[in-house]
Amino acid sequence: MSTQPQYPSNGPEEVSGWAVGGTVFAATVLMLIGVFQAIAGLVAIFDDDFYVVTRNYTFDLDVTAWGWIHLVIGILLVIVAYGLFARSTWAGVTAIMLASLSAVANFFFIPYYPFWAILLIALDIWVIWSLTRPGVIRT
């Protein structure tokens, strides 16, 4: 029984199935979050009275302003999700940053629509966790 020494290859590294699955999962959930954000943004832009505005809230923005914030974040998340499906490195790093931004924006949106905002925060955290697993974002 002879053992041959293993030398590192100069070719592309083999990506594990778990890493590919984590990326596809993150891209799919990120796409859903982006669509949800865009829909919430459009609702706020088209109908100011849909969201109940809390009185004496420290970060009291106009509902239309929140709508534009959610719409822009949603569009960016959908674009980055397409990049994740293509396994682009820039998309992985950008997805983590945008998911963090989305979580913060939804944190400030809690007084307007609590259950929905908390659900999106949880999904954002799940995407960040999924993308930070070893081997998911290739360098």
C-alpha atoms as a PDB file:
ATOM      1  CA  MET A   1       0.000   0.000   0.000  1.00  0.00           C
ATOM      2  CA  SER A   2       1.728   3.111  -1.167  1.00  0.00           C
ATOM      3  CA  THR A   3       0.698   6.563  -0.198  1.00  0.00           C
ATOM      4  CA  GLN A   4       1.411   9.424  -2.474  1.00  0.00           C
ATOM      5  CA  PRO A   5       1.876  12.901  -1.058  1.00  0.00           C
ATOM      6  CA  GLN A   6      -0.984  15.256  -1.734  1.00  0.00           C
ATOM      7  CA  TYR A   7       0.087  18.480  -3.369  1.00  0.00           C
ATOM      8  CA  PRO A   8      -2.185  21.470  -3.687  1.00  0.00           C
ATOM      9  CA  SER A   9      -3.565  21.820  -7.164  1.00  0.00           C
ATOM     10  CA  ASN A  10      -3.406  25.049  -9.085  1.00  0.00           C
ATOM     11  CA  GLY A  11      -6.857  24.483 -10.551  1.00  0.00           C
ATOM     12  CA  PRO A  12     -10.130  25.808  -9.216  1.00  0.00           C
ATOM     13  CA  GLU A  13     -11.146  24.563  -5.796  1.00  0.00           C
ATOM     14  CA  GLU A  14     -13.991  22.096  -5.528  1.00  0.00           C
ATOM     15  CA  VAL A  15     -17.014  23.692  -3.865  1.00  0.00           C
ATOM     16  CA  SER A  16     -18.955  21.527  -1.439  1.00  0.00           C
ATOM     17  CA  GLY A  17     -22.615  20.788  -1.921  1.00  0.00           C
ATOM     18  CA  TRP A  18     -23.371  22.421   1.429  1.00  0.00           C
ATOM     19  CA  ALA A  19     -21.781  25.666   0.286  1.00  0.00           C
ATOM     20  CA  VAL A  20     -23.739  25.680  -2.973  1.00  0.00           C
ATOM     21  CA  GLY A  21     -26.933  24.876  -1.074  1.00  0.00           C
ATOM     22  CA  GLY A  22     -26.264  27.720   1.374  1.00  0.00           C
ATOM     23  CA  THR A  23     -25.757  30.168  -1.458  1.00  0.00           C
ATOM     24  CA  VAL A  24     -28.909  29.086  -3.287  1.00  0.00           C
ATOM     25  CA  PHE A  25     -30.870  29.256  -0.050  1.00  0.00           C
ATOM     26  CA  ALA A  26     -29.557  32.734   0.730  1.00  0.00           C
ATOM     27  CA  ALA A  27     -30.239  33.943  -2.812  1.00  0.00           C
ATOM     28  CA  THR A  28     -33.792  32.601  -2.760  1.00  0.00           C
ATOM     29  CA  VAL A  29     -34.639  34.105   0.628  1.00  0.00           C
ATOM     30  CA  LEU A  30     -32.933  37.364  -0.340  1.00  0.00           C
ATOM     31  CA  MET A  31     -35.065  37.490  -3.479  1.00  0.00           C
ATOM     32  CA  LEU A  32     -38.206  36.998  -1.351  1.00  0.00           C
ATOM     33  CA  ILE A  33     -37.122  39.686   1.103  1.00  0.00           C
ATOM     34  CA  GLY A  34     -36.480  42.065  -1.790  1.00  0.00           C
ATOM     35  CA  VAL A  35     -39.925  41.438  -3.251  1.00  0.00           C
ATOM     36  CA  PHE A  36     -41.533  41.836   0.191  1.00  0.00           C
ATOM     37  CA  GLN A  37     -39.633  45.091   0.763  1.00  0.00           C
ATOM     38  CA  ALA A  38     -40.638  46.437  -2.651  1.00  0.00           C
ATOM     39  CA  ILE A  39     -44.304  45.568  -2.089  1.00  0.00           C
ATOM     40  CA  ALA A  40     -44.280  47.208   1.350  1.00  0.00           C
ATOM     41  CA  GLY A  41     -42.640  50.250  -0.197  1.00  0.00           C
ATOM     42  CA  LEU A  42     -45.175  50.508  -2.994  1.00  0.00           C
ATOM     43  CA  VAL A  43     -48.048  50.185  -0.524  1.00  0.00           C
ATOM     44  CA  ALA A  44     -46.618  53.048   1.542  1.00  0.00           C
ATOM     45  CA  ILE A  45     -46.086  55.201  -1.549  1.00  0.00           C
ATOM     46  CA  PHE A  46     -49.553  54.621  -3.031  1.00  0.00           C
ATOM     47  CA  ASP A  47     -51.627  54.652   0.184  1.00  0.00           C
ATOM     48  CA  ASP A  48     -50.349  56.786   3.066  1.00  0.00           C
ATOM     49  CA  ASP A  49     -53.198  55.678   5.303  1.00  0.00           C
ATOM     50  CA  PHE A  50     -52.453  51.946   5.097  1.00  0.00           C
ATOM     51  CA  TYR A  51     -49.814  52.008   7.844  1.00  0.00           C
ATOM     52  CA  VAL A  52     -50.853  53.214  11.277  1.00  0.00           C
ATOM     53  CA  VAL A  53     -48.451  55.922  12.373  1.00  0.00           C
ATOM     54  CA  THR A  54     -47.529  55.853  16.043  1.00  0.00           C
ATOM     55  CA  ARG A  55     -47.513  59.127  17.910  1.00  0.00           C
ATOM     56  CA  ASN A  56     -44.373  60.441  19.602  1.00  0.00           C
ATOM     57  CA  TYR A  57     -42.044  58.044  17.802  1.00  0.00           C
ATOM     58  CA  THR A  58     -38.459  59.284  17.809  1.00  0.00           C
ATOM     59  CA  PHE A  59     -37.814  58.444  14.155  1.00  0.00           C
ATOM     60  CA  ASP A  60     -41.019  59.911  12.799  1.00  0.00           C
ATOM     61  CA  LEU A  61     -40.626  59.896   9.019  1.00  0.00           C
ATOM     62  CA  ASP A  62     -43.433  60.377   6.595  1.00  0.00           C
ATOM     63  CA  VAL A  63     -44.924  57.061   5.458  1.00  0.00           C
ATOM     64  CA  THR A  64     -44.081  57.926   1.856  1.00  0.00           C
ATOM     65  CA  ALA A  65     -40.424  58.377   2.835  1.00  0.00           C
ATOM     66  CA  TRP A  66     -40.456  54.922   4.423  1.00  0.00           C
ATOM     67  CA  GLY A  67     -42.046  53.631   1.233  1.00  0.00           C
ATOM     68  CA  TRP A  68     -39.200  54.939  -0.913  1.00  0.00           C
ATOM     69  CA  ILE A  69     -36.617  53.543   1.510  1.00  0.00           C
ATOM     70  CA  HIS A  70     -38.221  50.083   1.384  1.00  0.00           C
ATOM     71  CA  LEU A  71     -38.653  50.199  -2.382  1.00  0.00           C
ATOM     72  CA  VAL A  72     -35.005  51.081  -3.043  1.00  0.00           C
ATOM     73  CA  ILE A  73     -33.728  48.456  -0.595  1.00  0.00           C
ATOM     74  CA  GLY A  74     -36.063  45.872  -2.144  1.00  0.00           C
ATOM     75  CA  ILE A  75     -34.853  46.557  -5.676  1.00  0.00           C
ATOM     76  CA  LEU A  76     -31.215  46.371  -4.569  1.00  0.00           C
ATOM     77  CA  LEU A  77     -31.852  43.078  -2.751  1.00  0.00           C
ATOM     78  CA  VAL A  78     -33.405  41.521  -5.854  1.00  0.00           C
ATOM     79  CA  ILE A  79     -30.440  42.615  -7.988  1.00  0.00           C
ATOM     80  CA  VAL A  80     -27.956  41.195  -5.487  1.00  0.00           C
ATOM     81  CA  ALA A  81     -29.938  37.945  -5.287  1.00  0.00           C
ATOM     82  CA  TYR A  82     -29.403  37.488  -9.036  1.00  0.00           C
ATOM     83  CA  GLY A  83     -25.683  38.001  -8.426  1.00  0.00           C
ATOM     84  CA  LEU A  84     -25.765  35.326  -5.726  1.00  0.00           C
ATOM     85  CA  PHE A  85     -27.376  32.892  -8.126  1.00  0.00           C
ATOM     86  CA  ALA A  86     -24.407  33.575 -10.439  1.00  0.00           C
ATOM     87  CA  ARG A  87     -22.029  32.907  -7.476  1.00  0.00           C
ATOM     88  CA  SER A  88     -20.343  36.303  -7.732  1.00  0.00           C
ATOM     89  CA  THR A  89     -18.062  37.274  -4.854  1.00  0.00           C
ATOM     90  CA  TRP A  90     -19.233  40.898  -4.961  1.00  0.00           C
ATOM     91  CA  ALA A  91     -22.807  39.700  -4.547  1.00  0.00           C
ATOM     92  CA  GLY A  92     -22.004  37.747  -1.386  1.00  0.00           C
ATOM     93  CA  VAL A  93     -20.377  40.673   0.350  1.00  0.00           C
ATOM     94  CA  THR A  94     -23.006  43.119  -0.905  1.00  0.00           C
ATOM     95  CA  ALA A  95     -25.811  40.783   0.185  1.00  0.00           C
ATOM     96  CA  ILE A  96     -24.487  40.720   3.734  1.00  0.00           C
ATOM     97  CA  MET A  97     -24.284  44.524   3.804  1.00  0.00           C
ATOM     98  CA  LEU A  98     -27.749  45.016   2.268  1.00  0.00           C
ATOM     99  CA  ALA A  99     -29.349  42.397   4.520  1.00  0.00           C
ATOM    100  CA  SER A 100     -27.882  44.264   7.496  1.00  0.00           C
ATOM    101  CA  LEU A 101     -29.229  47.556   6.135  1.00  0.00           C
ATOM    102  CA  SER A 102     -32.615  45.934   5.562  1.00  0.00           C
ATOM    103  CA  ALA A 103     -32.686  44.638   9.143  1.00  0.00           C
ATOM    104  CA  VAL A 104     -31.882  48.103  10.508  1.00  0.00           C
ATOM    105  CA  ALA A 105     -34.502  49.771   8.286  1.00  0.00           C
ATOM    106  CA  ASN A 106     -37.119  47.264   9.426  1.00  0.00           C
ATOM    107  CA  PHE A 107     -36.116  47.812  13.047  1.00  0.00           C
ATOM    108  CA  PHE A 108     -37.038  51.475  12.645  1.00  0.00           C
ATOM    109  CA  PHE A 109     -40.231  50.421  10.840  1.00  0.00           C
ATOM    110  CA  ILE A 110     -41.483  48.274  13.774  1.00  0.00           C
ATOM    111  CA  PRO A 111     -43.920  50.934  15.121  1.00  0.00           C
ATOM    112  CA  TYR A 112     -45.608  51.149  11.705  1.00  0.00           C
ATOM    113  CA  TYR A 113     -46.101  47.432  11.025  1.00  0.00           C
ATOM    114  CA  PRO A 114     -44.638  45.340  13.883  1.00  0.00           C
ATOM    115  CA  PHE A 115     -45.173  41.714  12.867  1.00  0.00           C
ATOM    116  CA  TRP A 116     -44.087  42.271   9.274  1.00  0.00           C
ATOM    117  CA  ALA A 117     -40.967  44.212  10.282  1.00  0.00           C
ATOM    118  CA  ILE A 118     -39.899  41.573  12.818  1.00  0.00           C
ATOM    119  CA  LEU A 119     -40.450  38.805  10.260  1.00  0.00           C
ATOM    120  CA  LEU A 120     -38.230  40.578   7.726  1.00  0.00           C
ATOM    121  CA  ILE A 121     -35.553  41.190  10.376  1.00  0.00           C
ATOM    122  CA  ALA A 122     -35.537  37.452  11.145  1.00  0.00           C
ATOM    123  CA  LEU A 123     -35.237  36.600   7.440  1.00  0.00           C
ATOM    124  CA  ASP A 124     -32.406  39.113   7.023  1.00  0.00           C
ATOM    125  CA  ILE A 125     -30.514  37.549   9.913  1.00  0.00           C
ATOM    126  CA  TRP A 126     -31.089  34.106   8.422  1.00  0.00           C
ATOM    127  CA  VAL A 127     -29.596  35.251   5.102  1.00  0.00           C
ATOM    128  CA  ILE A 128     -26.573  36.773   6.863  1.00  0.00           C
ATOM    129  CA  TRP A 129     -26.046  33.537   8.791  1.00  0.00           C
ATOM    130  CA  SER A 130     -26.367  31.474   5.626  1.00  0.00           C
ATOM    131  CA  LEU A 131     -23.847  33.588   3.726  1.00  0.00           C
ATOM    132  CA  THR A 132     -21.264  33.601   6.518  1.00  0.00           C
ATOM    133  CA  ARG A 133     -20.934  29.815   6.627  1.00  0.00           C
ATOM    134  CA  PRO A 134     -17.445  28.609   5.614  1.00  0.00           C
ATOM    135  CA  GLY A 135     -17.100  28.094   1.873  1.00  0.00           C
ATOM    136  CA  VAL A 136     -20.300  29.837   0.834  1.00  0.00           C
ATOM    137  CA  ILE A 137     -18.656  32.991  -0.510  1.00  0.00           C
ATOM    138  CA  ARG A 138     -15.747  32.064  -2.671  1.00  0.00           C
ATOM    139  CA  THR A 139     -12.781  34.363  -2.937  1.00  0.00           C
END
